[in-house]
N, C-alpha and C. Protein backbone atom coordinates (compact mmCIF):
# COMPACT_ATOMS: atom_id res chain seq x y z
N MET A 1 -6.79 9.40 4.99
CA MET A 1 -5.34 9.31 5.06
C MET A 1 -4.92 8.07 5.86
N SER A 2 -5.50 7.89 7.04
CA SER A 2 -5.14 6.73 7.85
C SER A 2 -5.57 5.43 7.18
N ARG A 3 -6.63 5.51 6.39
CA ARG A 3 -7.10 4.33 5.66
C ARG A 3 -6.05 3.90 4.63
N ILE A 4 -5.46 4.86 3.95
CA ILE A 4 -4.42 4.56 2.95
C ILE A 4 -3.21 3.94 3.63
N LEU A 5 -2.79 4.50 4.77
CA LEU A 5 -1.65 3.94 5.49
C LEU A 5 -1.93 2.52 5.95
N ALA A 6 -3.16 2.26 6.37
CA ALA A 6 -3.53 0.91 6.78
C ALA A 6 -3.45 -0.05 5.61
N VAL A 7 -3.90 0.39 4.44
CA VAL A 7 -3.84 -0.45 3.24
C VAL A 7 -2.39 -0.75 2.89
N ILE A 8 -1.53 0.26 2.96
CA ILE A 8 -0.10 0.05 2.66
C ILE A 8 0.47 -1.00 3.60
N ALA A 9 0.20 -0.84 4.88
CA ALA A 9 0.73 -1.78 5.87
C ALA A 9 0.22 -3.19 5.62
N LEU A 10 -1.06 -3.33 5.33
CA LEU A 10 -1.62 -4.66 5.08
C LEU A 10 -1.02 -5.32 3.85
N VAL A 11 -0.85 -4.55 2.79
CA VAL A 11 -0.28 -5.11 1.56
C VAL A 11 1.16 -5.53 1.80
N LEU A 12 1.91 -4.69 2.48
CA LEU A 12 3.32 -5.01 2.73
C LEU A 12 3.47 -6.22 3.65
N LEU A 13 2.59 -6.36 4.60
CA LEU A 13 2.68 -7.48 5.52
C LEU A 13 2.14 -8.77 4.90
N ALA A 14 1.26 -8.66 3.93
CA ALA A 14 0.66 -9.85 3.31
C ALA A 14 1.62 -10.56 2.37
N VAL A 15 2.58 -9.84 1.85
CA VAL A 15 3.52 -10.44 0.89
C VAL A 15 4.66 -11.09 1.66
N PRO A 16 4.92 -12.35 1.42
CA PRO A 16 6.03 -13.01 2.12
C PRO A 16 7.37 -12.42 1.70
N SER A 17 8.22 -12.17 2.67
CA SER A 17 9.54 -11.62 2.34
C SER A 17 10.57 -12.74 2.36
N ARG A 18 11.57 -12.58 1.55
CA ARG A 18 12.65 -13.55 1.48
C ARG A 18 13.77 -13.09 2.38
N GLY A 19 14.28 -13.97 3.22
CA GLY A 19 15.35 -13.63 4.15
C GLY A 19 16.62 -13.19 3.46
N GLU A 20 16.88 -13.71 2.28
CA GLU A 20 18.11 -13.41 1.56
C GLU A 20 18.00 -12.15 0.71
N GLU A 21 16.79 -11.65 0.53
CA GLU A 21 16.58 -10.51 -0.36
C GLU A 21 17.16 -9.23 0.25
N GLN A 22 17.81 -8.43 -0.59
CA GLN A 22 18.39 -7.17 -0.14
C GLN A 22 17.29 -6.21 0.26
N ARG A 23 17.52 -5.46 1.32
CA ARG A 23 16.52 -4.53 1.82
C ARG A 23 16.98 -3.10 1.58
N GLU A 24 16.02 -2.24 1.26
CA GLU A 24 16.26 -0.82 1.00
C GLU A 24 15.89 -0.03 2.25
N ARG A 25 16.76 0.86 2.65
CA ARG A 25 16.49 1.70 3.81
C ARG A 25 15.49 2.79 3.43
N ILE A 26 14.54 3.05 4.32
CA ILE A 26 13.55 4.09 4.09
C ILE A 26 14.23 5.45 4.28
N PRO A 27 14.07 6.39 3.34
CA PRO A 27 14.69 7.71 3.48
C PRO A 27 14.20 8.41 4.75
N ASP A 28 15.07 9.21 5.36
CA ASP A 28 14.72 9.92 6.59
C ASP A 28 13.48 10.79 6.42
N ALA A 29 13.31 11.37 5.24
CA ALA A 29 12.15 12.24 4.98
C ALA A 29 10.84 11.45 5.01
N CYS A 30 10.90 10.13 4.85
CA CYS A 30 9.71 9.28 4.84
C CYS A 30 9.51 8.56 6.16
N ARG A 31 10.38 8.79 7.10
CA ARG A 31 10.34 8.07 8.37
C ARG A 31 9.02 8.27 9.11
N GLU A 32 8.50 9.50 9.12
CA GLU A 32 7.25 9.78 9.83
C GLU A 32 6.10 8.95 9.25
N LEU A 33 6.01 8.89 7.93
CA LEU A 33 4.96 8.09 7.29
C LEU A 33 5.15 6.60 7.60
N ALA A 34 6.38 6.15 7.57
CA ALA A 34 6.65 4.74 7.86
C ALA A 34 6.26 4.41 9.30
N ASP A 35 6.56 5.33 10.21
CA ASP A 35 6.18 5.11 11.61
C ASP A 35 4.67 5.04 11.76
N ARG A 36 3.95 5.93 11.07
CA ARG A 36 2.48 5.91 11.13
C ARG A 36 1.92 4.58 10.65
N ALA A 37 2.54 4.03 9.61
CA ALA A 37 2.06 2.78 9.03
C ALA A 37 2.63 1.55 9.74
N GLY A 38 3.56 1.77 10.67
CA GLY A 38 4.16 0.65 11.40
C GLY A 38 5.14 -0.16 10.56
N LEU A 39 5.79 0.50 9.60
CA LEU A 39 6.74 -0.19 8.73
C LEU A 39 8.12 -0.26 9.37
N PRO A 40 8.91 -1.27 9.01
CA PRO A 40 10.28 -1.36 9.53
C PRO A 40 11.19 -0.31 8.89
N LEU A 41 12.43 -0.22 9.36
CA LEU A 41 13.38 0.76 8.84
C LEU A 41 13.83 0.46 7.41
N ALA A 42 13.69 -0.79 6.99
CA ALA A 42 14.12 -1.17 5.64
C ALA A 42 13.06 -2.09 5.02
N LEU A 43 12.93 -1.97 3.70
CA LEU A 43 11.94 -2.76 2.95
C LEU A 43 12.65 -3.52 1.84
N THR A 44 12.06 -4.63 1.42
CA THR A 44 12.59 -5.31 0.25
C THR A 44 12.30 -4.43 -0.97
N ARG A 45 12.92 -4.74 -2.07
CA ARG A 45 12.69 -3.94 -3.28
C ARG A 45 11.22 -3.98 -3.70
N ALA A 46 10.59 -5.13 -3.59
CA ALA A 46 9.18 -5.25 -3.97
C ALA A 46 8.30 -4.43 -3.02
N GLU A 47 8.57 -4.50 -1.73
CA GLU A 47 7.82 -3.71 -0.76
C GLU A 47 8.01 -2.22 -1.00
N ALA A 48 9.25 -1.82 -1.30
CA ALA A 48 9.54 -0.41 -1.56
C ALA A 48 8.80 0.07 -2.81
N ALA A 49 8.75 -0.76 -3.84
CA ALA A 49 8.04 -0.38 -5.07
C ALA A 49 6.55 -0.17 -4.80
N ARG A 50 5.95 -1.06 -4.00
CA ARG A 50 4.54 -0.90 -3.65
C ARG A 50 4.32 0.35 -2.80
N ALA A 51 5.23 0.60 -1.86
CA ALA A 51 5.09 1.79 -1.00
C ALA A 51 5.19 3.06 -1.84
N ILE A 52 6.08 3.09 -2.82
CA ILE A 52 6.22 4.26 -3.70
C ILE A 52 4.95 4.46 -4.52
N ALA A 53 4.38 3.36 -5.01
CA ALA A 53 3.14 3.47 -5.78
C ALA A 53 2.02 4.05 -4.92
N TYR A 54 1.89 3.60 -3.69
CA TYR A 54 0.86 4.14 -2.80
C TYR A 54 1.16 5.58 -2.42
N LEU A 55 2.44 5.90 -2.29
CA LEU A 55 2.84 7.27 -1.95
C LEU A 55 2.35 8.25 -3.01
N ARG A 56 2.38 7.83 -4.25
CA ARG A 56 1.91 8.69 -5.35
C ARG A 56 0.42 8.96 -5.26
N LEU A 57 -0.32 8.06 -4.63
CA LEU A 57 -1.77 8.22 -4.49
C LEU A 57 -2.17 9.03 -3.25
N MET A 58 -1.23 9.22 -2.35
CA MET A 58 -1.57 9.87 -1.08
C MET A 58 -1.78 11.37 -1.26
N ASN A 59 -2.53 11.95 -0.34
CA ASN A 59 -2.88 13.37 -0.36
C ASN A 59 -1.65 14.22 -0.06
N SER A 60 -1.25 15.06 -0.99
CA SER A 60 -0.03 15.86 -0.80
C SER A 60 -0.27 17.09 0.07
N ARG A 61 -1.47 17.23 0.63
CA ARG A 61 -1.69 18.33 1.58
C ARG A 61 -1.04 18.02 2.92
N ASP A 62 -0.78 16.76 3.19
CA ASP A 62 -0.10 16.36 4.41
C ASP A 62 1.39 16.69 4.26
N PRO A 63 1.96 17.50 5.18
CA PRO A 63 3.38 17.88 5.05
C PRO A 63 4.32 16.68 5.03
N ALA A 64 4.01 15.62 5.78
CA ALA A 64 4.87 14.44 5.80
C ALA A 64 4.86 13.75 4.44
N VAL A 65 3.71 13.71 3.80
CA VAL A 65 3.60 13.10 2.47
C VAL A 65 4.40 13.93 1.47
N ARG A 66 4.26 15.24 1.55
CA ARG A 66 4.99 16.14 0.64
C ARG A 66 6.50 15.96 0.78
N ARG A 67 7.00 15.91 2.03
CA ARG A 67 8.44 15.72 2.27
C ARG A 67 8.92 14.40 1.69
N CYS A 68 8.14 13.37 1.90
CA CYS A 68 8.54 12.04 1.41
C CYS A 68 8.52 12.00 -0.12
N GLN A 69 7.48 12.57 -0.73
CA GLN A 69 7.40 12.60 -2.19
C GLN A 69 8.58 13.36 -2.78
N GLN A 70 8.97 14.47 -2.17
CA GLN A 70 10.11 15.25 -2.67
C GLN A 70 11.41 14.46 -2.52
N ALA A 71 11.55 13.76 -1.41
CA ALA A 71 12.75 12.94 -1.19
C ALA A 71 12.85 11.83 -2.23
N MET A 72 11.71 11.24 -2.58
CA MET A 72 11.72 10.16 -3.56
C MET A 72 12.04 10.68 -4.96
N LEU A 73 11.67 11.91 -5.25
CA LEU A 73 12.00 12.49 -6.56
C LEU A 73 13.50 12.73 -6.69
N ARG A 74 14.16 13.02 -5.57
CA ARG A 74 15.60 13.28 -5.59
C ARG A 74 16.43 12.01 -5.69
N ARG A 75 15.83 10.85 -5.46
CA ARG A 75 16.58 9.59 -5.49
C ARG A 75 17.02 9.22 -6.84
């Protein structure tokens, strides 16, 4: 689990962000996972898309992952 979060953080940090690009706020239900991965409160659209893709691969036995996955389905 921590390995996946580390991969998410590395991928998100490796991609250069554009200062002018609109940022998406991380849903409150995903805040715990974002904190674990050291992510900021808002992501660019590209970063958010990558985070969602990794979220689908994460183990849903973790209650924080389950809450975040459910929140993303409601969006």
